[in-house]
PDB file of all heavy atoms in Angstrom:
ATOM      1  N   THR A   1      -8.201  -6.109 -20.761  1.00  0.00           N
ATOM      2  CA  THR A   1      -9.315  -5.411 -21.392  1.00  0.00           C
ATOM      3  C   THR A   1     -10.204  -6.374 -22.159  1.00  0.00           C
ATOM      4  O   THR A   1      -9.799  -7.491 -22.502  1.00  0.00           O
ATOM      5  CB  THR A   1      -8.818  -4.321 -22.361  1.00  0.00           C
ATOM      6  OG1 THR A   1      -7.956  -4.919 -23.341  1.00  0.00           O
ATOM      7  CG2 THR A   1      -8.076  -3.222 -21.618  1.00  0.00           C
ATOM      8  N   SER A   2     -11.399  -5.914 -22.443  1.00  0.00           N
ATOM      9  CA  SER A   2     -12.309  -6.569 -23.377  1.00  0.00           C
ATOM     10  C   SER A   2     -12.668  -5.554 -24.444  1.00  0.00           C
ATOM     11  O   SER A   2     -12.794  -4.365 -24.161  1.00  0.00           O
ATOM     12  CB  SER A   2     -13.579  -7.061 -22.669  1.00  0.00           C
ATOM     13  OG  SER A   2     -13.269  -8.028 -21.688  1.00  0.00           O
ATOM     14  N   ILE A   3     -12.834  -6.020 -25.684  1.00  0.00           N
ATOM     15  CA  ILE A   3     -13.066  -5.119 -26.810  1.00  0.00           C
ATOM     16  C   ILE A   3     -14.257  -5.621 -27.611  1.00  0.00           C
ATOM     17  O   ILE A   3     -14.336  -6.802 -27.963  1.00  0.00           O
ATOM     18  CB  ILE A   3     -11.819  -5.016 -27.714  1.00  0.00           C
ATOM     19  CG1 ILE A   3     -10.614  -4.553 -26.881  1.00  0.00           C
ATOM     20  CG2 ILE A   3     -12.069  -4.065 -28.869  1.00  0.00           C
ATOM     21  CD1 ILE A   3      -9.304  -4.575 -27.638  1.00  0.00           C
ATOM     22  N   GLY A   4     -15.183  -4.714 -27.898  1.00  0.00           N
ATOM     23  CA  GLY A   4     -16.339  -5.031 -28.724  1.00  0.00           C
ATOM     24  C   GLY A   4     -16.423  -4.110 -29.917  1.00  0.00           C
ATOM     25  O   GLY A   4     -16.262  -2.899 -29.778  1.00  0.00           O
ATOM     26  N   PHE A   5     -16.671  -4.681 -31.096  1.00  0.00           N
ATOM     27  CA  PHE A   5     -16.831  -3.924 -32.335  1.00  0.00           C
ATOM     28  C   PHE A   5     -18.277  -4.002 -32.805  1.00  0.00           C
ATOM     29  O   PHE A   5     -18.938  -5.037 -32.660  1.00  0.00           O
ATOM     30  CB  PHE A   5     -15.921  -4.475 -33.447  1.00  0.00           C
ATOM     31  CG  PHE A   5     -14.454  -4.231 -33.242  1.00  0.00           C
ATOM     32  CD1 PHE A   5     -13.660  -5.187 -32.615  1.00  0.00           C
ATOM     33  CD2 PHE A   5     -13.865  -3.060 -33.686  1.00  0.00           C
ATOM     34  CE1 PHE A   5     -12.297  -4.974 -32.436  1.00  0.00           C
ATOM     35  CE2 PHE A   5     -12.502  -2.839 -33.516  1.00  0.00           C
ATOM     36  CZ  PHE A   5     -11.720  -3.798 -32.890  1.00  0.00           C
ATOM     37  N   GLY A   6     -18.748  -2.912 -33.391  1.00  0.00           N
ATOM     38  CA  GLY A   6     -20.079  -2.902 -33.963  1.00  0.00           C
ATOM     39  C   GLY A   6     -20.281  -1.685 -34.839  1.00  0.00           C
ATOM     40  O   GLY A   6     -19.601  -0.666 -34.664  1.00  0.00           O
ATOM     41  N   PRO A   7     -21.221  -1.746 -35.784  1.00  0.00           N
ATOM     42  CA  PRO A   7     -21.482  -0.596 -36.663  1.00  0.00           C
ATOM     43  C   PRO A   7     -22.158   0.572 -35.955  1.00  0.00           C
ATOM     44  O   PRO A   7     -22.234   1.659 -36.504  1.00  0.00           O
ATOM     45  CB  PRO A   7     -22.389  -1.187 -37.749  1.00  0.00           C
ATOM     46  CG  PRO A   7     -23.025  -2.384 -37.113  1.00  0.00           C
ATOM     47  CD  PRO A   7     -22.010  -2.922 -36.163  1.00  0.00           C
ATOM     48  N   THR A   8     -22.646   0.356 -34.735  1.00  0.00           N
ATOM     49  CA  THR A   8     -23.185   1.435 -33.902  1.00  0.00           C
ATOM     50  C   THR A   8     -22.566   1.335 -32.518  1.00  0.00           C
ATOM     51  O   THR A   8     -22.022   0.297 -32.132  1.00  0.00           O
ATOM     52  CB  THR A   8     -24.717   1.350 -33.777  1.00  0.00           C
ATOM     53  OG1 THR A   8     -25.067   0.191 -32.997  1.00  0.00           O
ATOM     54  CG2 THR A   8     -25.380   1.263 -35.152  1.00  0.00           C
ATOM     55  N   LYS A   9     -22.672   2.426 -31.742  1.00  0.00           N
ATOM     56  CA  LYS A   9     -22.094   2.422 -30.403  1.00  0.00           C
ATOM     57  C   LYS A   9     -22.809   1.424 -29.492  1.00  0.00           C
ATOM     58  O   LYS A   9     -22.180   0.772 -28.651  1.00  0.00           O
ATOM     59  CB  LYS A   9     -22.128   3.829 -29.805  1.00  0.00           C
ATOM     60  CG  LYS A   9     -21.247   4.824 -30.538  1.00  0.00           C
ATOM     61  CD  LYS A   9     -21.350   6.219 -29.977  1.00  0.00           C
ATOM     62  CE  LYS A   9     -20.627   6.357 -28.670  1.00  0.00           C
ATOM     63  NZ  LYS A   9     -20.598   7.782 -28.200  1.00  0.00           N
ATOM     64  N   THR A  10     -24.134   1.301 -29.657  1.00  0.00           N
ATOM     65  CA  THR A  10     -24.887   0.361 -28.830  1.00  0.00           C
ATOM     66  C   THR A  10     -24.482  -1.074 -29.125  1.00  0.00           C
ATOM     67  O   THR A  10     -24.348  -1.896 -28.213  1.00  0.00           O
ATOM     68  CB  THR A  10     -26.396   0.557 -29.043  1.00  0.00           C
ATOM     69  OG1 THR A  10     -26.751   1.914 -28.725  1.00  0.00           O
ATOM     70  CG2 THR A  10     -27.200  -0.376 -28.163  1.00  0.00           C
ATOM     71  N   LEU A  11     -24.277  -1.406 -30.407  1.00  0.00           N
ATOM     72  CA  LEU A  11     -23.826  -2.744 -30.762  1.00  0.00           C
ATOM     73  C   LEU A  11     -22.389  -2.985 -30.285  1.00  0.00           C
ATOM     74  O   LEU A  11     -22.059  -4.097 -29.857  1.00  0.00           O
ATOM     75  CB  LEU A  11     -23.929  -2.957 -32.269  1.00  0.00           C
ATOM     76  CG  LEU A  11     -25.328  -3.275 -32.804  1.00  0.00           C
ATOM     77  CD1 LEU A  11     -25.331  -3.262 -34.328  1.00  0.00           C
ATOM     78  CD2 LEU A  11     -25.829  -4.623 -32.287  1.00  0.00           C
ATOM     79  N   ALA A  12     -21.543  -1.956 -30.342  1.00  0.00           N
ATOM     80  CA  ALA A  12     -20.182  -2.101 -29.830  1.00  0.00           C
ATOM     81  C   ALA A  12     -20.191  -2.353 -28.327  1.00  0.00           C
ATOM     82  O   ALA A  12     -19.415  -3.166 -27.807  1.00  0.00           O
ATOM     83  CB  ALA A  12     -19.365  -0.855 -30.165  1.00  0.00           C
ATOM     84  N   LYS A  13     -21.075  -1.658 -27.636  1.00  0.00           N
ATOM     85  CA  LYS A  13     -21.209  -1.852 -26.187  1.00  0.00           C
ATOM     86  C   LYS A  13     -21.704  -3.263 -25.875  1.00  0.00           C
ATOM     87  O   LYS A  13     -21.202  -3.915 -24.960  1.00  0.00           O
ATOM     88  CB  LYS A  13     -22.179  -0.811 -25.633  1.00  0.00           C
ATOM     89  CG  LYS A  13     -22.310  -0.808 -24.124  1.00  0.00           C
ATOM     90  CD  LYS A  13     -21.189  -0.107 -23.425  1.00  0.00           C
ATOM     91  CE  LYS A  13     -21.524   0.143 -21.952  1.00  0.00           C
ATOM     92  NZ  LYS A  13     -20.413   0.631 -21.173  1.00  0.00           N
ATOM     93  N   LEU A  14     -22.691  -3.745 -26.628  1.00  0.00           N
ATOM     94  CA  LEU A  14     -23.181  -5.105 -26.424  1.00  0.00           C
ATOM     95  C   LEU A  14     -22.090  -6.120 -26.758  1.00  0.00           C
ATOM     96  O   LEU A  14     -21.919  -7.118 -26.045  1.00  0.00           O
ATOM     97  CB  LEU A  14     -24.419  -5.349 -27.280  1.00  0.00           C
ATOM     98  CG  LEU A  14     -25.055  -6.745 -27.161  1.00  0.00           C
ATOM     99  CD1 LEU A  14     -25.537  -7.006 -25.736  1.00  0.00           C
ATOM    100  CD2 LEU A  14     -26.223  -6.889 -28.144  1.00  0.00           C
ATOM    101  N   ALA A  15     -21.348  -5.874 -27.828  1.00  0.00           N
ATOM    102  CA  ALA A  15     -20.257  -6.767 -28.207  1.00  0.00           C
ATOM    103  C   ALA A  15     -19.204  -6.841 -27.107  1.00  0.00           C
ATOM    104  O   ALA A  15     -18.628  -7.898 -26.842  1.00  0.00           O
ATOM    105  CB  ALA A  15     -19.625  -6.303 -29.521  1.00  0.00           C
ATOM    106  N   ASN A  16     -18.955  -5.726 -26.449  1.00  0.00           N
ATOM    107  CA  ASN A  16     -18.003  -5.717 -25.346  1.00  0.00           C
ATOM    108  C   ASN A  16     -18.500  -6.595 -24.196  1.00  0.00           C
ATOM    109  O   ASN A  16     -17.730  -7.340 -23.585  1.00  0.00           O
ATOM    110  CB  ASN A  16     -17.781  -4.287 -24.872  1.00  0.00           C
ATOM    111  CG  ASN A  16     -16.736  -4.176 -23.780  1.00  0.00           C
ATOM    112  OD1 ASN A  16     -17.042  -4.372 -22.600  1.00  0.00           O
ATOM    113  ND2 ASN A  16     -15.522  -3.876 -24.160  1.00  0.00           N
ATOM    114  N   HIS A  17     -19.801  -6.497 -23.899  1.00  0.00           N
ATOM    115  CA  HIS A  17     -20.399  -7.354 -22.862  1.00  0.00           C
ATOM    116  C   HIS A  17     -20.248  -8.822 -23.230  1.00  0.00           C
ATOM    117  O   HIS A  17     -19.899  -9.652 -22.372  1.00  0.00           O
ATOM    118  CB  HIS A  17     -21.879  -7.001 -22.708  1.00  0.00           C
ATOM    119  CG  HIS A  17     -22.658  -7.977 -21.884  1.00  0.00           C
ATOM    120  ND1 HIS A  17     -22.606  -8.029 -20.510  1.00  0.00           N
ATOM    121  CD2 HIS A  17     -23.523  -8.976 -22.264  1.00  0.00           C
ATOM    122  CE1 HIS A  17     -23.387  -9.003 -20.063  1.00  0.00           C
ATOM    123  NE2 HIS A  17     -23.958  -9.593 -21.108  1.00  0.00           N
ATOM    124  N   VAL A  18     -20.487  -9.145 -24.496  1.00  0.00           N
ATOM    125  CA  VAL A  18     -20.349 -10.525 -24.955  1.00  0.00           C
ATOM    126  C   VAL A  18     -18.907 -10.991 -24.809  1.00  0.00           C
ATOM    127  O   VAL A  18     -18.647 -12.117 -24.371  1.00  0.00           O
ATOM    128  CB  VAL A  18     -20.821 -10.644 -26.417  1.00  0.00           C
ATOM    129  CG1 VAL A  18     -20.531 -12.041 -26.968  1.00  0.00           C
ATOM    130  CG2 VAL A  18     -22.313 -10.334 -26.522  1.00  0.00           C
ATOM    131  N   ALA A  19     -17.942 -10.140 -25.172  1.00  0.00           N
ATOM    132  CA  ALA A  19     -16.522 -10.487 -25.054  1.00  0.00           C
ATOM    133  C   ALA A  19     -16.142 -10.803 -23.617  1.00  0.00           C
ATOM    134  O   ALA A  19     -15.368 -11.728 -23.350  1.00  0.00           O
ATOM    135  CB  ALA A  19     -15.656  -9.347 -25.602  1.00  0.00           C
ATOM    136  N   LYS A  20     -16.689 -10.036 -22.662  1.00  0.00           N
ATOM    137  CA  LYS A  20     -16.422 -10.286 -21.247  1.00  0.00           C
ATOM    138  C   LYS A  20     -17.024 -11.610 -20.801  1.00  0.00           C
ATOM    139  O   LYS A  20     -16.364 -12.440 -20.168  1.00  0.00           O
ATOM    140  CB  LYS A  20     -17.004  -9.158 -20.394  1.00  0.00           C
ATOM    141  CG  LYS A  20     -16.221  -7.898 -20.326  1.00  0.00           C
ATOM    142  CD  LYS A  20     -16.893  -6.914 -19.380  1.00  0.00           C
ATOM    143  CE  LYS A  20     -16.252  -5.562 -19.443  1.00  0.00           C
ATOM    144  NZ  LYS A  20     -14.889  -5.540 -18.966  1.00  0.00           N
ATOM    145  N   MET A  21     -18.329 -11.798 -21.102  1.00  0.00           N
ATOM    146  CA  MET A  21     -19.040 -12.965 -20.609  1.00  0.00           C
ATOM    147  C   MET A  21     -18.551 -14.253 -21.262  1.00  0.00           C
ATOM    148  O   MET A  21     -18.500 -15.303 -20.614  1.00  0.00           O
ATOM    149  CB  MET A  21     -20.546 -12.797 -20.842  1.00  0.00           C
ATOM    150  CG  MET A  21     -21.192 -11.718 -19.977  1.00  0.00           C
ATOM    151  SD  MET A  21     -21.085 -12.065 -18.188  1.00  0.00           S
ATOM    152  CE  MET A  21     -19.762 -10.966 -17.729  1.00  0.00           C
ATOM    153  N   ALA A  22     -18.203 -14.189 -22.547  1.00  0.00           N
ATOM    154  CA  ALA A  22     -17.704 -15.383 -23.229  1.00  0.00           C
ATOM    155  C   ALA A  22     -16.384 -15.840 -22.631  1.00  0.00           C
ATOM    156  O   ALA A  22     -16.061 -17.036 -22.646  1.00  0.00           O
ATOM    157  CB  ALA A  22     -17.536 -15.113 -24.724  1.00  0.00           C
ATOM    158  N   ASP A  23     -15.631 -14.892 -22.088  1.00  0.00           N
ATOM    159  CA  ASP A  23     -14.354 -15.216 -21.455  1.00  0.00           C
ATOM    160  C   ASP A  23     -14.548 -15.671 -20.016  1.00  0.00           C
ATOM    161  O   ASP A  23     -13.916 -16.630 -19.568  1.00  0.00           O
ATOM    162  CB  ASP A  23     -13.434 -13.992 -21.502  1.00  0.00           C
ATOM    163  CG  ASP A  23     -12.018 -14.304 -21.033  1.00  0.00           C
ATOM    164  OD1 ASP A  23     -11.478 -15.359 -21.419  1.00  0.00           O
ATOM    165  OD2 ASP A  23     -11.442 -13.490 -20.291  1.00  0.00           O
ATOM    166  N   ARG A  24     -15.435 -14.988 -19.297  1.00  0.00           N
ATOM    167  CA  ARG A  24     -15.621 -15.275 -17.877  1.00  0.00           C
ATOM    168  C   ARG A  24     -16.513 -16.484 -17.635  1.00  0.00           C
ATOM    169  O   ARG A  24     -16.238 -17.282 -16.728  1.00  0.00           O
ATOM    170  CB  ARG A  24     -16.217 -14.051 -17.169  1.00  0.00           C
ATOM    171  CG  ARG A  24     -16.337 -14.238 -15.672  1.00  0.00           C
ATOM    172  CD  ARG A  24     -17.124 -13.119 -15.012  1.00  0.00           C
ATOM    173  NE  ARG A  24     -17.436 -13.459 -13.626  1.00  0.00           N
ATOM    174  CZ  ARG A  24     -18.409 -12.919 -12.925  1.00  0.00           C
ATOM    175  NH1 ARG A  24     -19.169 -11.976 -13.458  1.00  0.00           N
ATOM    176  NH2 ARG A  24     -18.628 -13.307 -11.677  1.00  0.00           N
ATOM    177  N   LYS A  25     -17.554 -16.629 -18.418  1.00  0.00           N
ATOM    178  CA  LYS A  25     -18.515 -17.713 -18.226  1.00  0.00           C
ATOM    179  C   LYS A  25     -18.667 -18.508 -19.517  1.00  0.00           C
ATOM    180  O   LYS A  25     -19.626 -18.303 -20.284  1.00  0.00           O
ATOM    181  CB  LYS A  25     -19.866 -17.156 -17.771  1.00  0.00           C
ATOM    182  CG  LYS A  25     -19.821 -16.470 -16.412  1.00  0.00           C
ATOM    183  CD  LYS A  25     -21.201 -16.010 -15.986  1.00  0.00           C
ATOM    184  CE  LYS A  25     -21.166 -15.387 -14.581  1.00  0.00           C
ATOM    185  NZ  LYS A  25     -22.521 -14.946 -14.127  1.00  0.00           N
ATOM    186  N   PRO A  26     -17.733 -19.392 -19.806  1.00  0.00           N
ATOM    187  CA  PRO A  26     -17.799 -20.181 -21.034  1.00  0.00           C
ATOM    188  C   PRO A  26     -19.116 -20.944 -21.146  1.00  0.00           C
ATOM    189  O   PRO A  26     -19.626 -21.488 -20.166  1.00  0.00           O
ATOM    190  CB  PRO A  26     -16.607 -21.141 -20.895  1.00  0.00           C
ATOM    191  CG  PRO A  26     -15.672 -20.462 -19.929  1.00  0.00           C
ATOM    192  CD  PRO A  26     -16.561 -19.726 -18.980  1.00  0.00           C
ATOM    193  N   GLY A  27     -19.671 -20.945 -22.329  1.00  0.00           N
ATOM    194  CA  GLY A  27     -20.919 -21.648 -22.577  1.00  0.00           C
ATOM    195  C   GLY A  27     -22.091 -20.728 -22.828  1.00  0.00           C
ATOM    196  O   GLY A  27     -23.039 -21.112 -23.519  1.00  0.00           O
ATOM    197  N   ARG A  28     -22.046 -19.511 -22.258  1.00  0.00           N
ATOM    198  CA  ARG A  28     -23.148 -18.588 -22.487  1.00  0.00           C
ATOM    199  C   ARG A  28     -23.126 -18.060 -23.925  1.00  0.00           C
ATOM    200  O   ARG A  28     -24.171 -17.916 -24.559  1.00  0.00           O
ATOM    201  CB  ARG A  28     -23.096 -17.421 -21.511  1.00  0.00           C
ATOM    202  CG  ARG A  28     -24.239 -16.439 -21.707  1.00  0.00           C
ATOM    203  CD  ARG A  28     -24.262 -15.337 -20.682  1.00  0.00           C
ATOM    204  NE  ARG A  28     -25.327 -14.395 -20.948  1.00  0.00           N
ATOM    205  CZ  ARG A  28     -25.552 -13.280 -20.247  1.00  0.00           C
ATOM    206  NH1 ARG A  28     -24.792 -12.994 -19.215  1.00  0.00           N
ATOM    207  NH2 ARG A  28     -26.547 -12.469 -20.574  1.00  0.00           N
ATOM    208  N   TYR A  29     -21.932 -17.762 -24.418  1.00  0.00           N
ATOM    209  CA  TYR A  29     -21.750 -17.305 -25.784  1.00  0.00           C
ATOM    210  C   TYR A  29     -20.697 -18.171 -26.465  1.00  0.00           C
ATOM    211  O   TYR A  29     -19.932 -18.887 -25.809  1.00  0.00           O
ATOM    212  CB  TYR A  29     -21.296 -15.841 -25.825  1.00  0.00           C
ATOM    213  CG  TYR A  29     -22.294 -14.852 -25.274  1.00  0.00           C
ATOM    214  CD1 TYR A  29     -22.100 -14.275 -24.024  1.00  0.00           C
ATOM    215  CD2 TYR A  29     -23.412 -14.470 -26.009  1.00  0.00           C
ATOM    216  CE1 TYR A  29     -22.997 -13.350 -23.514  1.00  0.00           C
ATOM    217  CE2 TYR A  29     -24.312 -13.547 -25.513  1.00  0.00           C
ATOM    218  CZ  TYR A  29     -24.108 -12.993 -24.262  1.00  0.00           C
ATOM    219  OH  TYR A  29     -25.005 -12.078 -23.770  1.00  0.00           O
ATOM    220  N   ASP A  30     -20.657 -18.093 -27.783  1.00  0.00           N
ATOM    221  CA  ASP A  30     -19.640 -18.805 -28.561  1.00  0.00           C
ATOM    222  C   ASP A  30     -18.248 -18.381 -28.095  1.00  0.00           C
ATOM    223  O   ASP A  30     -17.966 -17.192 -27.926  1.00  0.00           O
ATOM    224  CB  ASP A  30     -19.817 -18.472 -30.047  1.00  0.00           C
ATOM    225  CG  ASP A  30     -19.022 -19.406 -30.958  1.00  0.00           C
ATOM    226  OD1 ASP A  30     -17.819 -19.604 -30.697  1.00  0.00           O
ATOM    227  OD2 ASP A  30     -19.594 -19.924 -31.939  1.00  0.00           O
ATOM    228  N   ALA A  31     -17.369 -19.359 -27.895  1.00  0.00           N
ATOM    229  CA  ALA A  31     -16.021 -19.090 -27.389  1.00  0.00           C
ATOM    230  C   ALA A  31     -15.226 -18.179 -28.320  1.00  0.00           C
ATOM    231  O   ALA A  31     -14.278 -17.514 -27.876  1.00  0.00           O
ATOM    232  CB  ALA A  31     -15.270 -20.405 -27.183  1.00  0.00           C
ATOM    233  N   ARG A  32     -15.596 -18.126 -29.606  1.00  0.00           N
ATOM    234  CA  ARG A  32     -14.892 -17.265 -30.550  1.00  0.00           C
ATOM    235  C   ARG A  32     -15.052 -15.778 -30.217  1.00  0.00           C
ATOM    236  O   ARG A  32     -14.270 -14.945 -30.681  1.00  0.00           O
ATOM    237  CB  ARG A  32     -15.377 -17.520 -31.980  1.00  0.00           C
ATOM    238  CG  ARG A  32     -15.025 -18.910 -32.526  1.00  0.00           C
ATOM    239  CD  ARG A  32     -15.656 -19.128 -33.885  1.00  0.00           C
ATOM    240  NE  ARG A  32     -17.121 -19.109 -33.811  1.00  0.00           N
ATOM    241  CZ  ARG A  32     -17.918 -19.219 -34.876  1.00  0.00           C
ATOM    242  NH1 ARG A  32     -17.395 -19.322 -36.087  1.00  0.00           N
ATOM    243  NH2 ARG A  32     -19.232 -19.209 -34.700  1.00  0.00           N
ATOM    244  N   HIS A  33     -16.080 -15.440 -29.424  1.00  0.00           N
ATOM    245  CA  HIS A  33     -16.333 -14.053 -29.053  1.00  0.00           C
ATOM    246  C   HIS A  33     -15.559 -13.617 -27.816  1.00  0.00           C
ATOM    247  O   HIS A  33     -15.629 -12.440 -27.439  1.00  0.00           O
ATOM    248  CB  HIS A  33     -17.824 -13.838 -28.799  1.00  0.00           C
ATOM    249  CG  HIS A  33     -18.703 -14.070 -29.990  1.00  0.00           C
ATOM    250  ND1 HIS A  33     -18.402 -13.584 -31.246  1.00  0.00           N
ATOM    251  CD2 HIS A  33     -19.897 -14.718 -30.101  1.00  0.00           C
ATOM    252  CE1 HIS A  33     -19.356 -13.935 -32.093  1.00  0.00           C
ATOM    253  NE2 HIS A  33     -20.263 -14.633 -31.437  1.00  0.00           N
ATOM    254  N   ALA A  34     -14.822 -14.520 -27.182  1.00  0.00           N
ATOM    255  CA  ALA A  34     -14.143 -14.186 -25.932  1.00  0.00           C
ATOM    256  C   ALA A  34     -13.069 -13.128 -26.141  1.00  0.00           C
ATOM    257  O   ALA A  34     -12.311 -13.168 -27.112  1.00  0.00           O
ATOM    258  CB  ALA A  34     -13.530 -15.442 -25.310  1.00  0.00           C
ATOM    259  N   GLN A  35     -13.026 -12.147 -25.249  1.00  0.00           N
ATOM    260  CA  GLN A  35     -12.029 -11.071 -25.195  1.00  0.00           C
ATOM    261  C   GLN A  35     -12.208 -10.027 -26.293  1.00  0.00           C
ATOM    262  O   GLN A  35     -12.150  -8.829 -26.021  1.00  0.00           O
ATOM    263  CB  GLN A  35     -10.606 -11.635 -25.223  1.00  0.00           C
ATOM    264  CG  GLN A  35     -10.316 -12.569 -24.044  1.00  0.00           C
ATOM    265  CD  GLN A  35      -8.957 -13.181 -24.112  1.00  0.00           C
ATOM    266  OE1 GLN A  35      -8.221 -13.061 -25.088  1.00  0.00           O
ATOM    267  NE2 GLN A  35      -8.555 -13.856 -23.032  1.00  0.00           N
ATOM    268  N   VAL A  36     -12.386 -10.468 -27.532  1.00  0.00           N
ATOM    269  CA  VAL A  36     -12.629  -9.541 -28.642  1.00  0.00           C
ATOM    270  C   VAL A  36     -13.816 -10.059 -29.441  1.00  0.00           C
ATOM    271  O   VAL A  36     -13.769 -11.159 -29.993  1.00  0.00           O
ATOM    272  CB  VAL A  36     -11.397  -9.395 -29.556  1.00  0.00           C
ATOM    273  CG1 VAL A  36     -11.711  -8.445 -30.715  1.00  0.00           C
ATOM    274  CG2 VAL A  36     -10.193  -8.883 -28.767  1.00  0.00           C
ATOM    275  N   CYS A  37     -14.873  -9.266 -29.530  1.00  0.00           N
ATOM    276  CA  CYS A  37     -16.087  -9.665 -30.238  1.00  0.00           C
ATOM    277  C   CYS A  37     -16.427  -8.619 -31.289  1.00  0.00           C
ATOM    278  O   CYS A  37     -16.513  -7.427 -30.980  1.00  0.00           O
ATOM    279  CB  CYS A  37     -17.252  -9.833 -29.254  1.00  0.00           C
ATOM    280  SG  CYS A  37     -18.853 -10.187 -30.032  1.00  0.00           S
ATOM    281  N   HIS A  38     -16.635  -9.056 -32.524  1.00  0.00           N
ATOM    282  CA  HIS A  38     -16.961  -8.161 -33.631  1.00  0.00           C
ATOM    283  C   HIS A  38     -18.340  -8.535 -34.174  1.00  0.00           C
ATOM    284  O   HIS A  38     -18.462  -9.406 -35.038  1.00  0.00           O
ATOM    285  CB  HIS A  38     -15.900  -8.280 -34.731  1.00  0.00           C
ATOM    286  CG  HIS A  38     -15.977  -7.240 -35.800  1.00  0.00           C
ATOM    287  ND1 HIS A  38     -17.058  -6.364 -35.950  1.00  0.00           N
ATOM    288  CD2 HIS A  38     -15.108  -6.916 -36.814  1.00  0.00           C
ATOM    289  CE1 HIS A  38     -16.851  -5.569 -36.967  1.00  0.00           C
ATOM    290  NE2 HIS A  38     -15.675  -5.863 -37.495  1.00  0.00           N
ATOM    291  N   LEU A  39     -19.372  -7.873 -33.675  1.00  0.00           N
ATOM    292  CA  LEU A  39     -20.720  -8.174 -34.135  1.00  0.00           C
ATOM    293  C   LEU A  39     -20.955  -7.680 -35.552  1.00  0.00           C
ATOM    294  O   LEU A  39     -21.816  -8.207 -36.255  1.00  0.00           O
ATOM    295  CB  LEU A  39     -21.756  -7.551 -33.192  1.00  0.00           C
ATOM    296  CG  LEU A  39     -21.904  -8.224 -31.819  1.00  0.00           C
ATOM    297  CD1 LEU A  39     -22.972  -7.516 -30.999  1.00  0.00           C
ATOM    298  CD2 LEU A  39     -22.271  -9.697 -31.971  1.00  0.00           C
ATOM    299  N   GLY A  40     -20.194  -6.674 -35.973  1.00  0.00           N
ATOM    300  CA  GLY A  40     -20.347  -6.172 -37.332  1.00  0.00           C
ATOM    301  C   GLY A  40     -19.886  -7.158 -38.376  1.00  0.00           C
ATOM    302  O   GLY A  40     -20.355  -7.119 -39.529  1.00  0.00           O
ATOM    303  N   ALA A  41     -18.957  -8.054 -38.010  1.00  0.00           N
ATOM    304  CA  ALA A  41     -18.442  -9.044 -38.947  1.00  0.00           C
ATOM    305  C   ALA A  41     -19.130 -10.399 -38.817  1.00  0.00           C
ATOM    306  O   ALA A  41     -18.882 -11.292 -39.619  1.00  0.00           O
ATOM    307  CB  ALA A  41     -16.936  -9.216 -38.745  1.00  0.00           C
ATOM    308  N   ALA A  42     -19.984 -10.561 -37.804  1.00  0.00           N
ATOM    309  CA  ALA A  42     -20.664 -11.833 -37.580  1.00  0.00           C
ATOM    310  C   ALA A  42     -21.775 -12.032 -38.614  1.00  0.00           C
ATOM    311  O   ALA A  42     -22.409 -11.067 -39.049  1.00  0.00           O
ATOM    312  CB  ALA A  42     -21.242 -11.880 -36.167  1.00  0.00           C
ATOM    313  N   ASP A  43     -22.009 -13.283 -39.009  1.00  0.00           N
ATOM    314  CA  ASP A  43     -23.096 -13.550 -39.939  1.00  0.00           C
ATOM    315  C   ASP A  43     -24.433 -13.510 -39.209  1.00  0.00           C
ATOM    316  O   ASP A  43     -24.493 -13.358 -37.990  1.00  0.00           O
ATOM    317  CB  ASP A  43     -22.906 -14.890 -40.652  1.00  0.00           C
ATOM    318  CG  ASP A  43     -22.776 -16.073 -39.678  1.00  0.00           C
ATOM    319  OD1 ASP A  43     -23.405 -16.041 -38.587  1.00  0.00           O
ATOM    320  OD2 ASP A  43     -22.059 -17.042 -40.017  1.00  0.00           O
ATOM    321  N   ARG A  44     -25.496 -13.621 -39.958  1.00  0.00           N
ATOM    322  CA  ARG A  44     -26.836 -13.478 -39.400  1.00  0.00           C
ATOM    323  C   ARG A  44     -27.093 -14.480 -38.278  1.00  0.00           C
ATOM    324  O   ARG A  44     -27.633 -14.142 -37.222  1.00  0.00           O
ATOM    325  CB  ARG A  44     -27.877 -13.665 -40.510  1.00  0.00           C
ATOM    326  CG  ARG A  44     -29.342 -13.625 -40.045  1.00  0.00           C
ATOM    327  CD  ARG A  44     -29.784 -12.230 -39.727  1.00  0.00           C
ATOM    328  NE  ARG A  44     -31.180 -12.149 -39.343  1.00  0.00           N
ATOM    329  CZ  ARG A  44     -32.175 -11.957 -40.212  1.00  0.00           C
ATOM    330  NH1 ARG A  44     -31.915 -11.796 -41.524  1.00  0.00           N
ATOM    331  NH2 ARG A  44     -33.425 -11.873 -39.802  1.00  0.00           N
TER     332      ARG A  44
END
């Protein structure tokens, strides 16, 4: 599975996409977001 967290459903959905892509295609997103991404806890 991939899991995305966010203060809204749309942000959670986007976070889930980031978690997938960071795991599947390293380099597109920060590796820390792979598999589990929490946009609500990320800094600006």
